[in-house]
Amino acid sequence: MKNVEKYTRQFFPVENAPMRWAKKNYIEKAPIWCSVDLRDGNQALIIPMSLEEKLEFFKVLVDIGFKEIEIGFPAASETEYEFCRTLIEQNLIPDDVTIQVLTQAREHIIAKTFEALKGAKHAIVHLYNSTSVAQREQVFKKSKEEIIELARKGAKLCKEYREKTPGHFQFEYSPESFTGTEPEFALEICNAVIDIWQPTPEDKTIINLPVTVSHSMPHVYANQVEYMNDNLNNRENVIISLHPHNDRGCAVADSELGLLAGGDRIEGTLFGNGERTGNVDIVTLALNMYSQGIEPELDFSNLKAITEVYERVTRMHVYERSPYSGQLVFAAFSGSHQDAIAKGMKWRETQNCEHWTVPYLPIDPEDLGRVYEADVIRINSQSGKGGIGYLMETRYGYNIPPKMRESFGYLVKGVSDHAHKELQPDEILNIFEETYVNKTEPVVLPEVHYVQKENGIIGASVTVNYNGKTEIAEADGNGRLDAVSNALKAHFGLEFALTTYTEHALEVRSTSKAVSYVGLEKDGKTYWGVGIHSDIINSSISAFVSALNQMIK
């Protein structure tokens, strides 16, 4: 990178910061949540949402549990004004939900904003002006005193218009570009606004500290929040709100540390949509809390349906690896991950665990409306025997013996590698059945008869069809399967050992059928067969013949 010298730090760290927040290990309770999807998120869309789409999305946000929803900048466009009026006039806002609107500190905009809010049961008027060094010098070309006077004038106008507008209104102030503002100046301008609004326990003021542009590491922002928390006037009647953007990929960390440092409230969007790199992702932030045993007071138990609505109305796409919400976040391709997840799931079943501790999965997919069979195991050339075996057991009921899992795993991985694609569960089942189950070529046993002899010995008379000939093979054994094995060894002049035999009911597919697995070892190589039949003896013989056909084909 040849131009690194052109960059400098644009933030102002708090000197001798106490950093009390750094001694806390977790967030103790959910913040006040405010969704800004319908304003901050909407303005960042290539095609902004229509009125109908906004109304649908508003209902989704209400259903999730948001009690504060920023619905737009009603003085900025006719669509946003109409949306605000529609919500109010059609009584679409639940009594326990507060809408929020944004306004600049200019009288005609404030007047239009209150006109749009007329009759609102509960609304927050969000006043802002830019305070950073860059904005003051380059955009507004104003001194600190002039910037403060702009905020004071806007605050006074908000009070005046509140007095003459029907409805119930709370105030919020943002020193926009807070993170590029000297902490002392940010405090001065916020206190100037607080002194005008004179908040009370019944009429608290929201002071929003936005990471309008992320300039620093998260601990620097936390120190800035803690400084404001310690020094704001009338703090007991002030709600500190955080509004992190994600320029450095730190929005979630900024939010979490900011809450530890004294923040009470979070403004963000579902899935992190917003200007540039986006806002803080409230899904991630809330579910981080949930995974630590903190009730987030937002309901993401049907995250798939929420994602579908979001993608449809915003025309955005939730990235496959986006935490919690991405299509692949509960999928495992790596063989070692698959094996650990499979063993973790079994551990939960056998140990009746109170807490969720499954390896590689910080949260139970079922809590988000996801399904293990579809989401946990994904099969490609990187997969392992554990994951493939787990999929076959949980989805199709085959409890494949460990050594056979290894052989089948290599077979599946080879197919995936050759095809250069992920294999779907039904494709894996098809490979299994075509390779191992009830194979009748080239050897067929049309009939098998048994005779009980002395000392528990079983005699078997086996009809063998092979290469167009039908012959009888006979032998004794310690059981039916052993007798059939000995008969066919002698008939074909083969030397092999029956090293594996297991059986179980095929419960997932049908409790009326039995499945048997047979492994035959010859010259150091094991050949596998699977038999399925309503009779356990017939299934075991079918498994044996399937393995034999693997050996002599």
Protein backbone atom coordinates (compact mmCIF):
# COMPACT_ATOMS: atom_id res chain seq x y z
CA MET A 1 0.00 0.00 0.00
CA LYS A 2 1.90 3.02 -1.25
CA ASN A 3 -0.23 5.90 0.10
CA VAL A 4 -0.52 5.03 3.77
CA GLU A 5 1.03 8.35 4.81
CA LYS A 6 -2.03 10.25 3.53
CA TYR A 7 -4.19 8.80 6.36
CA THR A 8 -4.38 9.98 9.95
CA ARG A 9 -6.55 9.22 12.95
CA GLN A 10 -9.80 11.18 12.79
CA PHE A 11 -11.04 10.34 16.28
CA PHE A 12 -10.49 11.99 19.64
CA PRO A 13 -9.77 9.54 22.47
CA VAL A 14 -10.83 10.35 25.99
CA GLU A 15 -7.79 11.27 28.03
CA ASN A 16 -7.18 9.17 31.17
CA ALA A 17 -10.38 7.21 30.57
CA PRO A 18 -11.48 5.26 33.69
CA MET A 19 -12.60 2.26 31.57
CA ARG A 20 -14.89 0.88 34.27
CA TRP A 21 -16.80 -0.90 31.51
CA ALA A 22 -13.75 -3.10 30.83
CA LYS A 23 -14.30 -4.88 34.17
CA LYS A 24 -17.70 -6.17 33.05
CA ASN A 25 -17.85 -9.54 31.30
CA TYR A 26 -21.33 -9.50 29.84
CA ILE A 27 -24.40 -7.35 29.15
CA GLU A 28 -26.88 -7.88 31.99
CA LYS A 29 -30.14 -6.94 30.27
CA ALA A 30 -31.55 -6.06 26.89
CA PRO A 31 -31.36 -2.41 25.82
CA ILE A 32 -34.26 -0.38 24.51
CA TRP A 33 -34.35 -1.38 20.85
CA CYS A 34 -35.17 1.06 18.06
CA SER A 35 -35.37 -0.24 14.51
CA VAL A 36 -34.26 2.27 11.90
CA ASP A 37 -34.93 -0.09 8.96
CA LEU A 38 -37.69 2.10 7.57
CA ARG A 39 -35.55 5.25 7.58
CA ASP A 40 -31.80 4.57 7.68
CA GLY A 41 -32.19 1.20 6.00
CA ASN A 42 -34.71 2.38 3.44
CA GLN A 43 -32.66 5.39 2.31
CA ALA A 44 -29.76 3.02 1.55
CA LEU A 45 -31.77 0.90 -0.91
CA ILE A 46 -31.28 1.15 -4.66
CA ILE A 47 -35.07 1.08 -4.96
CA PRO A 48 -36.66 2.43 -1.74
CA MET A 49 -39.65 0.53 -0.40
CA SER A 50 -43.11 1.42 -1.62
CA LEU A 51 -45.85 2.43 0.81
CA GLU A 52 -47.29 -1.10 0.76
CA GLU A 53 -43.88 -2.65 1.40
CA LYS A 54 -43.21 -0.26 4.26
CA LEU A 55 -46.52 -1.14 5.86
CA GLU A 56 -45.75 -4.86 5.58
CA PHE A 57 -42.27 -4.42 7.02
CA PHE A 58 -43.61 -2.23 9.85
CA LYS A 59 -45.92 -5.08 10.89
CA VAL A 60 -42.99 -7.52 10.86
CA LEU A 61 -41.01 -5.20 13.14
CA VAL A 62 -43.96 -4.95 15.52
CA ASP A 63 -44.37 -8.73 15.55
CA ILE A 64 -40.67 -9.15 16.37
CA GLY A 65 -41.23 -7.00 19.43
CA PHE A 66 -39.77 -3.57 18.63
CA LYS A 67 -41.37 -0.91 20.81
CA GLU A 68 -39.65 1.99 19.04
CA ILE A 69 -39.52 2.17 15.24
CA GLU A 70 -38.05 5.02 13.23
CA ILE A 71 -40.34 5.33 10.23
CA GLY A 72 -38.60 7.98 8.15
CA PHE A 73 -37.88 11.61 7.45
CA PRO A 74 -41.40 12.86 6.67
CA ALA A 75 -40.24 16.29 5.53
CA ALA A 76 -37.89 14.72 2.96
CA SER A 77 -40.34 13.08 0.56
CA GLU A 78 -44.04 12.63 -0.14
CA THR A 79 -43.80 8.85 0.29
CA GLU A 80 -42.36 9.18 3.79
CA TYR A 81 -44.93 11.81 4.75
CA GLU A 82 -47.76 9.64 3.42
CA PHE A 83 -46.39 6.60 5.28
CA CYS A 84 -46.41 8.49 8.56
CA ARG A 85 -49.95 9.76 8.03
CA THR A 86 -51.21 6.33 6.97
CA LEU A 87 -49.90 4.71 10.15
CA ILE A 88 -51.56 7.36 12.30
CA GLU A 89 -54.86 7.83 10.44
CA GLN A 90 -55.49 4.10 9.94
CA ASN A 91 -54.60 3.38 13.58
CA LEU A 92 -51.90 0.87 12.59
CA ILE A 93 -49.57 1.66 15.49
CA PRO A 94 -50.13 -0.50 18.60
CA ASP A 95 -50.58 1.47 21.81
CA ASP A 96 -47.28 0.15 23.22
CA VAL A 97 -45.26 1.09 20.11
CA THR A 98 -43.65 4.51 19.59
CA ILE A 99 -42.82 5.76 16.12
CA GLN A 100 -39.78 7.95 15.57
CA VAL A 101 -39.07 10.51 12.84
CA LEU A 102 -35.94 12.42 11.90
CA THR A 103 -35.64 16.16 11.40
CA GLN A 104 -32.89 18.68 10.77
CA ALA A 105 -32.58 21.77 12.92
CA ARG A 106 -34.39 24.02 10.44
CA GLU A 107 -37.81 25.52 11.09
CA HIS A 108 -39.60 24.60 7.85
CA ILE A 109 -38.45 20.99 8.25
CA ILE A 110 -39.46 20.87 11.92
CA ALA A 111 -42.86 22.36 11.01
CA LYS A 112 -43.44 19.72 8.30
CA THR A 113 -42.35 17.00 10.70
CA PHE A 114 -44.90 17.94 13.35
CA GLU A 115 -47.57 18.29 10.68
CA ALA A 116 -46.88 14.68 9.69
CA LEU A 117 -47.10 13.56 13.34
CA LYS A 118 -50.36 15.32 14.19
CA GLY A 119 -52.49 13.03 16.35
CA ALA A 120 -49.77 10.45 17.06
CA LYS A 121 -50.33 8.62 20.37
CA HIS A 122 -46.60 8.20 20.98
CA ALA A 123 -43.81 9.61 18.81
CA ILE A 124 -40.15 10.55 19.15
CA VAL A 125 -38.93 13.63 17.29
CA HIS A 126 -35.27 13.02 16.48
CA LEU A 127 -33.34 16.26 15.98
CA TYR A 128 -29.78 16.22 14.68
CA ASN A 129 -26.96 18.35 13.36
CA SER A 130 -23.36 17.51 12.49
CA THR A 131 -20.66 18.31 15.03
CA SER A 132 -17.40 16.74 13.81
CA VAL A 133 -14.30 18.73 12.91
CA ALA A 134 -14.56 17.60 9.30
CA GLN A 135 -18.22 18.61 8.99
CA ARG A 136 -17.72 21.95 10.77
CA GLU A 137 -14.72 22.94 8.66
CA GLN A 138 -15.53 21.44 5.25
CA VAL A 139 -19.32 21.30 4.94
CA PHE A 140 -20.85 23.98 7.14
CA LYS A 141 -17.84 26.26 7.57
CA LYS A 142 -19.09 27.25 11.01
CA SER A 143 -17.46 27.72 14.40
CA LYS A 144 -18.24 25.63 17.46
CA GLU A 145 -20.40 28.45 18.80
CA GLU A 146 -22.42 28.60 15.58
CA ILE A 147 -22.92 24.82 15.59
CA ILE A 148 -24.16 24.95 19.20
CA GLU A 149 -26.50 27.80 18.35
CA LEU A 150 -27.95 25.75 15.49
CA ALA A 151 -28.71 22.87 17.92
CA ARG A 152 -30.17 25.25 20.51
CA LYS A 153 -32.43 26.87 17.94
CA GLY A 154 -33.65 23.47 16.73
CA ALA A 155 -34.30 22.33 20.30
CA LYS A 156 -36.36 25.47 21.04
CA LEU A 157 -38.39 25.07 17.84
CA CYS A 158 -39.16 21.46 18.73
CA LYS A 159 -40.55 22.60 22.09
CA GLU A 160 -42.63 25.32 20.43
CA TYR A 161 -44.17 22.98 17.84
CA ARG A 162 -44.82 20.29 20.43
CA GLU A 163 -46.95 22.74 22.40
CA LYS A 164 -49.23 23.44 19.45
CA THR A 165 -49.45 19.97 17.87
CA PRO A 166 -51.97 17.33 19.05
CA GLY A 167 -50.22 14.14 20.15
CA HIS A 168 -47.66 12.87 22.63
CA PHE A 169 -44.03 13.61 21.72
CA GLN A 170 -40.64 12.73 23.20
CA PHE A 171 -37.37 14.32 22.06
CA GLU A 172 -34.11 12.83 20.86
CA TYR A 173 -30.94 14.67 19.91
CA SER A 174 -27.96 13.37 17.91
CA PRO A 175 -24.63 15.14 17.55
CA GLU A 176 -24.20 13.55 14.13
CA SER A 177 -20.65 12.34 13.41
CA PHE A 178 -20.15 12.05 17.19
CA THR A 179 -17.10 9.80 16.76
CA GLY A 180 -15.27 12.51 14.82
CA THR A 181 -16.11 15.14 17.43
CA GLU A 182 -13.98 16.22 20.38
CA PRO A 183 -15.60 14.62 23.48
CA GLU A 184 -15.67 17.94 25.33
CA PHE A 185 -17.50 19.64 22.46
CA ALA A 186 -19.96 16.75 22.05
CA LEU A 187 -20.74 17.03 25.75
CA GLU A 188 -21.15 20.81 25.54
CA ILE A 189 -23.64 20.70 22.68
CA CYS A 190 -25.65 17.82 24.18
CA ASN A 191 -25.90 19.60 27.52
CA ALA A 192 -27.03 22.76 25.75
CA VAL A 193 -29.93 20.81 24.22
CA ILE A 194 -30.73 19.03 27.51
CA ASP A 195 -30.89 22.37 29.31
CA ILE A 196 -33.51 23.60 26.84
CA TRP A 197 -35.63 20.45 26.89
CA GLN A 198 -35.46 20.03 30.70
CA PRO A 199 -36.24 16.31 30.80
CA THR A 200 -38.17 14.78 33.71
CA PRO A 201 -38.82 11.19 34.83
CA GLU A 202 -42.08 11.29 32.85
CA ASP A 203 -40.52 13.02 29.82
CA LYS A 204 -37.01 11.71 29.37
CA THR A 205 -34.70 13.02 26.66
CA ILE A 206 -32.81 10.61 24.39
CA ILE A 207 -29.22 11.58 23.63
CA ASN A 208 -28.07 9.51 20.70
CA LEU A 209 -24.30 9.03 20.19
CA PRO A 210 -23.92 7.79 16.62
CA VAL A 211 -20.91 6.09 15.11
CA THR A 212 -21.87 7.93 11.94
CA VAL A 213 -18.48 6.93 10.54
CA SER A 214 -16.43 4.35 12.37
CA HIS A 215 -12.93 5.79 12.91
CA SER A 216 -11.58 3.80 15.85
CA MET A 217 -11.39 0.51 17.67
CA PRO A 218 -14.46 -0.31 19.79
CA HIS A 219 -12.82 0.44 23.13
CA VAL A 220 -12.25 4.06 22.05
CA TYR A 221 -15.99 4.44 21.39
CA ALA A 222 -16.77 2.81 24.74
CA ASN A 223 -14.57 5.37 26.48
CA GLN A 224 -16.40 8.17 24.65
CA VAL A 225 -19.77 6.76 25.74
CA GLU A 226 -18.58 6.39 29.33
CA TYR A 227 -17.36 10.00 29.31
CA MET A 228 -20.79 11.20 28.20
CA ASN A 229 -22.49 8.92 30.71
CA ASP A 230 -20.44 10.46 33.52
CA ASN A 231 -20.91 14.09 32.50
CA LEU A 232 -24.30 14.66 30.86
CA ASN A 233 -26.59 17.08 32.69
CA ASN A 234 -29.70 15.62 34.32
CA ARG A 235 -28.37 12.12 33.58
CA GLU A 236 -31.10 10.35 35.57
CA ASN A 237 -33.65 11.68 33.07
CA VAL A 238 -31.55 11.05 29.98
CA ILE A 239 -31.55 7.87 27.88
CA ILE A 240 -28.19 7.29 26.17
CA SER A 241 -28.74 5.79 22.74
CA LEU A 242 -26.11 4.22 20.48
CA HIS A 243 -26.27 4.19 16.67
CA PRO A 244 -23.19 2.39 15.31
CA HIS A 245 -22.36 2.11 11.62
CA ASN A 246 -20.09 -0.62 10.35
CA ASP A 247 -17.31 1.05 8.31
CA ARG A 248 -14.60 -0.91 10.18
CA GLY A 249 -16.71 -4.03 10.66
CA CYS A 250 -17.00 -3.19 14.37
CA ALA A 251 -20.66 -2.16 14.74
CA VAL A 252 -21.62 -5.12 16.92
CA ALA A 253 -18.51 -4.69 19.08
CA ASP A 254 -19.10 -0.94 19.32
CA SER A 255 -22.65 -1.62 20.48
CA GLU A 256 -21.73 -4.25 23.03
CA LEU A 257 -18.93 -2.22 24.59
CA GLY A 258 -21.05 0.93 24.39
CA LEU A 259 -23.79 -0.80 26.40
CA LEU A 260 -21.24 -1.85 29.00
CA ALA A 261 -20.09 1.79 29.15
CA GLY A 262 -23.51 3.20 29.99
CA GLY A 263 -25.64 2.98 26.85
CA ASP A 264 -29.35 2.32 27.43
CA ARG A 265 -30.65 2.03 23.90
CA ILE A 266 -29.65 0.72 20.46
CA GLU A 267 -30.66 2.03 17.05
CA GLY A 268 -29.97 -0.46 14.28
CA THR A 269 -31.40 -2.51 11.46
CA LEU A 270 -32.26 -6.11 10.72
CA PHE A 271 -29.30 -7.81 9.06
CA GLY A 272 -27.23 -4.60 9.21
CA ASN A 273 -28.67 -2.78 6.21
CA GLY A 274 -27.82 0.93 5.99
CA GLU A 275 -25.62 3.54 4.37
CA ARG A 276 -22.21 2.38 3.11
CA THR A 277 -21.27 -0.76 5.08
CA GLY A 278 -24.51 -0.56 7.03
CA ASN A 279 -25.79 -0.16 10.57
CA VAL A 280 -25.38 -2.50 13.49
CA ASP A 281 -27.13 -5.80 12.79
CA ILE A 282 -29.78 -6.10 15.51
CA VAL A 283 -30.32 -9.79 14.73
CA THR A 284 -26.68 -10.51 15.54
CA LEU A 285 -26.59 -8.22 18.56
CA ALA A 286 -29.80 -9.61 20.09
CA LEU A 287 -28.89 -13.25 19.48
CA ASN A 288 -25.41 -12.70 20.91
CA MET A 289 -27.22 -11.80 24.13
CA TYR A 290 -29.58 -14.75 23.80
CA SER A 291 -26.65 -17.16 23.38
CA GLN A 292 -25.32 -15.88 26.72
CA GLY A 293 -28.58 -16.53 28.55
CA ILE A 294 -29.89 -12.93 28.35
CA GLU A 295 -33.48 -12.48 27.17
CA PRO A 296 -33.20 -9.99 24.25
CA GLU A 297 -36.92 -9.13 24.32
CA LEU A 298 -37.06 -9.55 20.54
CA ASP A 299 -38.52 -12.67 18.95
CA PHE A 300 -36.39 -14.24 16.21
CA SER A 301 -37.82 -17.75 16.64
CA ASN A 302 -38.95 -17.72 13.00
CA LEU A 303 -35.88 -16.10 11.49
CA LYS A 304 -36.39 -17.78 8.13
CA ALA A 305 -39.77 -16.06 7.62
CA ILE A 306 -38.36 -12.70 8.75
CA THR A 307 -35.48 -13.09 6.28
CA GLU A 308 -37.90 -13.89 3.45
CA VAL A 309 -39.92 -10.70 4.01
CA TYR A 310 -36.78 -8.60 4.40
CA GLU A 311 -35.22 -9.89 1.17
CA ARG A 312 -38.46 -9.42 -0.75
CA VAL A 313 -39.29 -5.85 0.30
CA THR A 314 -35.72 -4.50 0.37
CA ARG A 315 -34.41 -6.48 -2.62
CA MET A 316 -31.31 -7.09 -0.54
CA HIS A 317 -29.73 -10.48 0.12
CA VAL A 318 -28.76 -11.86 3.52
CA TYR A 319 -25.21 -13.17 3.12
CA GLU A 320 -24.95 -16.94 3.53
CA ARG A 321 -22.39 -16.56 6.34
CA SER A 322 -24.14 -13.71 8.15
CA PRO A 323 -24.23 -14.64 11.87
CA TYR A 324 -27.33 -16.58 12.89
CA SER A 325 -29.39 -15.57 9.84
CA GLY A 326 -27.21 -16.80 6.96
CA GLN A 327 -28.30 -19.92 5.10
CA LEU A 328 -25.04 -21.73 5.90
CA VAL A 329 -24.24 -20.64 9.45
CA PHE A 330 -25.66 -23.83 10.95
CA ALA A 331 -24.15 -25.99 8.23
CA ALA A 332 -20.93 -27.96 8.59
CA PHE A 333 -18.87 -29.01 5.59
CA SER A 334 -15.65 -29.90 7.40
CA GLY A 335 -15.43 -33.54 8.41
CA SER A 336 -14.06 -32.79 11.89
CA HIS A 337 -16.80 -30.23 12.51
CA GLN A 338 -19.48 -32.66 11.35
CA ASP A 339 -18.12 -35.39 13.60
CA ALA A 340 -18.01 -33.10 16.64
CA ILE A 341 -21.54 -31.80 16.02
CA ALA A 342 -22.90 -35.32 15.62
CA LYS A 343 -21.26 -36.45 18.86
CA GLY A 344 -22.45 -33.31 20.63
CA MET A 345 -26.02 -34.00 19.58
CA LYS A 346 -25.81 -37.56 20.89
CA TRP A 347 -24.28 -36.29 24.14
CA ARG A 348 -27.28 -34.02 24.67
CA GLU A 349 -29.64 -36.95 24.14
CA THR A 350 -27.87 -39.31 26.51
CA GLN A 351 -26.91 -36.80 29.22
CA ASN A 352 -30.19 -34.83 29.26
CA CYS A 353 -28.19 -31.58 29.28
CA GLU A 354 -29.72 -28.46 30.80
CA HIS A 355 -27.47 -26.06 28.89
CA TRP A 356 -26.54 -25.88 25.22
CA THR A 357 -22.87 -26.84 24.73
CA VAL A 358 -22.76 -28.50 21.30
CA PRO A 359 -19.35 -27.99 19.64
CA TYR A 360 -19.23 -25.44 16.81
CA LEU A 361 -22.85 -24.34 17.36
CA PRO A 362 -23.11 -21.40 19.78
CA ILE A 363 -26.92 -21.48 19.62
CA ASP A 364 -29.55 -24.17 19.07
CA PRO A 365 -30.78 -23.81 15.47
CA GLU A 366 -34.25 -24.96 16.55
CA ASP A 367 -34.63 -21.79 18.64
CA LEU A 368 -34.52 -19.81 15.39
CA GLY A 369 -36.89 -22.07 13.50
CA ARG A 370 -34.08 -23.93 11.77
CA VAL A 371 -33.95 -27.72 11.35
CA TYR A 372 -30.97 -29.95 12.17
CA GLU A 373 -31.37 -32.34 9.25
CA ALA A 374 -31.40 -29.57 6.68
CA ASP A 375 -28.98 -27.15 8.28
CA VAL A 376 -26.33 -28.84 10.38
CA ILE A 377 -24.69 -31.23 7.93
CA ARG A 378 -23.76 -30.28 4.38
CA ILE A 379 -22.01 -32.88 2.25
CA ASN A 380 -19.24 -32.17 -0.24
CA SER A 381 -15.68 -33.33 -0.91
CA GLN A 382 -14.56 -31.81 2.41
CA SER A 383 -17.05 -33.76 4.49
CA GLY A 384 -16.18 -36.60 6.84
CA LYS A 385 -17.62 -39.94 7.84
CA GLY A 386 -19.10 -38.50 11.03
CA GLY A 387 -21.25 -35.97 9.23
CA ILE A 388 -22.34 -38.36 6.50
CA GLY A 389 -23.16 -41.02 9.06
CA TYR A 390 -25.09 -38.51 11.17
CA LEU A 391 -27.15 -37.41 8.18
CA MET A 392 -27.95 -41.02 7.23
CA GLU A 393 -29.02 -41.80 10.79
CA THR A 394 -31.08 -38.68 11.59
CA ARG A 395 -32.76 -38.32 8.21
CA TYR A 396 -33.09 -41.89 6.97
CA GLY A 397 -32.68 -44.12 10.01
CA TYR A 398 -29.52 -46.01 8.97
CA ASN A 399 -27.18 -46.58 11.93
CA ILE A 400 -24.18 -47.50 9.80
CA PRO A 401 -21.33 -49.41 11.55
CA PRO A 402 -18.27 -47.19 12.21
CA LYS A 403 -15.96 -48.94 9.74
CA MET A 404 -18.61 -48.90 7.04
CA ARG A 405 -19.15 -45.15 7.68
CA GLU A 406 -15.54 -44.57 6.76
CA SER A 407 -15.83 -46.54 3.53
CA PHE A 408 -19.11 -44.89 2.59
CA GLY A 409 -17.70 -41.47 3.51
CA TYR A 410 -14.83 -41.85 1.05
CA LEU A 411 -17.28 -43.02 -1.61
CA VAL A 412 -19.54 -39.98 -1.16
CA LYS A 413 -16.63 -37.54 -1.04
CA GLY A 414 -15.29 -39.06 -4.27
CA VAL A 415 -18.63 -38.55 -6.02
CA SER A 416 -18.81 -34.94 -4.80
CA ASP A 417 -15.20 -34.24 -5.77
CA HIS A 418 -15.69 -35.66 -9.26
CA ALA A 419 -18.95 -33.71 -9.77
CA HIS A 420 -17.49 -30.52 -8.20
CA LYS A 421 -20.65 -29.91 -6.23
CA GLU A 422 -22.39 -30.32 -2.91
CA LEU A 423 -24.56 -33.43 -2.65
CA GLN A 424 -28.13 -33.21 -1.42
CA PRO A 425 -29.42 -35.72 1.15
CA ASP A 426 -31.51 -37.63 -1.39
CA GLU A 427 -28.45 -37.98 -3.63
CA ILE A 428 -26.46 -39.44 -0.73
CA LEU A 429 -29.27 -41.88 0.05
CA ASN A 430 -29.34 -42.91 -3.60
CA ILE A 431 -25.58 -43.60 -3.58
CA PHE A 432 -25.98 -45.70 -0.43
CA GLU A 433 -28.88 -47.77 -1.74
CA GLU A 434 -27.46 -48.29 -5.22
CA THR A 435 -24.08 -49.36 -3.83
CA TYR A 436 -25.00 -51.53 -0.85
CA VAL A 437 -28.69 -52.39 -0.43
CA ASN A 438 -30.20 -55.75 -1.53
CA LYS A 439 -27.73 -56.27 -4.37
CA THR A 440 -28.64 -59.30 -6.50
CA GLU A 441 -25.98 -59.28 -9.21
CA PRO A 442 -24.16 -61.40 -10.16
CA VAL A 443 -25.16 -63.80 -7.33
CA VAL A 444 -28.81 -64.52 -6.46
CA LEU A 445 -30.07 -66.85 -3.73
CA PRO A 446 -33.66 -67.77 -4.69
CA GLU A 447 -34.04 -70.21 -1.78
CA VAL A 448 -32.33 -71.01 1.49
CA HIS A 449 -33.37 -73.88 3.78
CA TYR A 450 -32.09 -74.53 7.30
CA VAL A 451 -31.83 -77.67 9.42
CA GLN A 452 -31.27 -77.64 13.19
CA LYS A 453 -28.52 -80.11 14.14
CA GLU A 454 -26.90 -81.22 17.38
CA ASN A 455 -25.01 -78.80 19.68
CA GLY A 456 -26.67 -75.75 18.14
CA ILE A 457 -25.21 -76.34 14.69
CA ILE A 458 -27.30 -75.12 11.76
CA GLY A 459 -27.21 -76.73 8.35
CA ALA A 460 -27.95 -74.60 5.29
CA SER A 461 -28.98 -75.71 1.79
CA VAL A 462 -28.61 -72.74 -0.54
CA THR A 463 -29.90 -72.43 -4.11
CA VAL A 464 -27.36 -70.32 -6.03
CA ASN A 465 -27.96 -68.58 -9.37
CA TYR A 466 -24.69 -67.41 -10.95
CA ASN A 467 -23.66 -66.88 -14.56
CA GLY A 468 -26.85 -68.49 -15.86
CA LYS A 469 -26.42 -71.65 -13.78
CA THR A 470 -28.48 -72.83 -10.80
CA GLU A 471 -26.71 -75.04 -8.26
CA ILE A 472 -27.09 -76.15 -4.65
CA ALA A 473 -24.48 -75.33 -2.03
CA GLU A 474 -24.56 -76.85 1.44
CA ALA A 475 -22.63 -76.35 4.70
CA ASP A 476 -22.97 -76.16 8.46
CA GLY A 477 -22.36 -73.22 10.75
CA ASN A 478 -22.80 -71.79 14.22
CA GLY A 479 -25.86 -69.93 13.04
CA ARG A 480 -27.90 -69.35 9.90
CA LEU A 481 -25.69 -66.58 8.55
CA ASP A 482 -22.50 -68.51 9.34
CA ALA A 483 -23.88 -71.61 7.61
CA VAL A 484 -24.79 -69.66 4.44
CA SER A 485 -21.37 -67.99 4.50
CA ASN A 486 -19.59 -71.36 4.75
CA ALA A 487 -21.72 -72.81 1.93
CA LEU A 488 -20.85 -70.01 -0.47
CA LYS A 489 -17.17 -70.00 0.50
CA ALA A 490 -16.96 -73.63 -0.49
CA HIS A 491 -19.10 -73.18 -3.61
CA PHE A 492 -17.00 -70.33 -5.03
CA GLY A 493 -13.68 -71.47 -3.59
CA LEU A 494 -13.22 -68.15 -1.80
CA GLU A 495 -11.33 -67.29 1.37
CA PHE A 496 -12.94 -64.43 3.31
CA ALA A 497 -13.94 -63.61 6.86
CA LEU A 498 -17.28 -62.28 8.06
CA THR A 499 -15.90 -59.50 10.28
CA THR A 500 -18.94 -57.28 10.87
CA TYR A 501 -22.59 -57.98 11.43
CA THR A 502 -25.09 -55.56 12.96
CA GLU A 503 -28.83 -55.12 12.67
CA HIS A 504 -31.62 -52.80 13.82
CA ALA A 505 -35.18 -51.80 13.04
CA LEU A 506 -35.43 -49.21 10.30
CA GLU A 507 -37.46 -46.90 12.54
CA VAL A 508 -37.39 -43.65 10.59
CA ARG A 509 -38.78 -45.16 7.42
CA SER A 510 -40.82 -48.10 8.69
CA THR A 511 -40.94 -49.96 11.98
CA SER A 512 -41.99 -53.12 10.11
CA LYS A 513 -38.62 -53.58 8.38
CA ALA A 514 -35.23 -54.66 9.60
CA VAL A 515 -31.87 -53.56 8.24
CA SER A 516 -28.68 -55.62 8.48
CA TYR A 517 -25.07 -54.69 7.73
CA VAL A 518 -22.39 -57.24 6.77
CA GLY A 519 -18.68 -56.74 6.24
CA LEU A 520 -16.63 -59.41 4.47
CA GLU A 521 -12.84 -59.16 4.60
CA LYS A 522 -10.66 -60.61 1.84
CA ASP A 523 -6.94 -59.91 1.30
CA GLY A 524 -7.04 -56.99 3.73
CA LYS A 525 -10.02 -55.26 2.08
CA THR A 526 -13.55 -55.10 3.48
CA TYR A 527 -16.61 -55.40 1.25
CA TRP A 528 -19.91 -54.08 2.58
CA GLY A 529 -23.51 -55.06 2.05
CA VAL A 530 -26.87 -53.96 3.46
CA GLY A 531 -30.08 -55.97 3.52
CA ILE A 532 -33.59 -54.67 4.15
CA HIS A 533 -36.50 -57.06 4.68
CA SER A 534 -39.53 -57.49 6.91
CA ASP A 535 -37.84 -60.64 8.31
CA ILE A 536 -34.54 -60.19 10.18
CA ILE A 537 -33.08 -63.51 8.91
CA ASN A 538 -33.83 -62.59 5.32
CA SER A 539 -32.36 -59.11 5.80
CA SER A 540 -29.12 -60.58 7.18
CA ILE A 541 -28.78 -63.02 4.25
CA SER A 542 -29.53 -60.20 1.80
CA ALA A 543 -26.82 -58.07 3.43
CA PHE A 544 -24.36 -60.96 3.14
CA VAL A 545 -25.16 -61.53 -0.53
CA SER A 546 -24.86 -57.78 -1.21
CA ALA A 547 -21.36 -57.79 0.31
CA LEU A 548 -20.45 -60.95 -1.61
CA ASN A 549 -21.57 -59.32 -4.85
CA GLN A 550 -19.28 -56.38 -4.10
CA MET A 551 -16.43 -58.85 -3.74
CA ILE A 552 -16.91 -60.98 -6.87
CA LYS A 553 -18.46 -58.56 -9.36
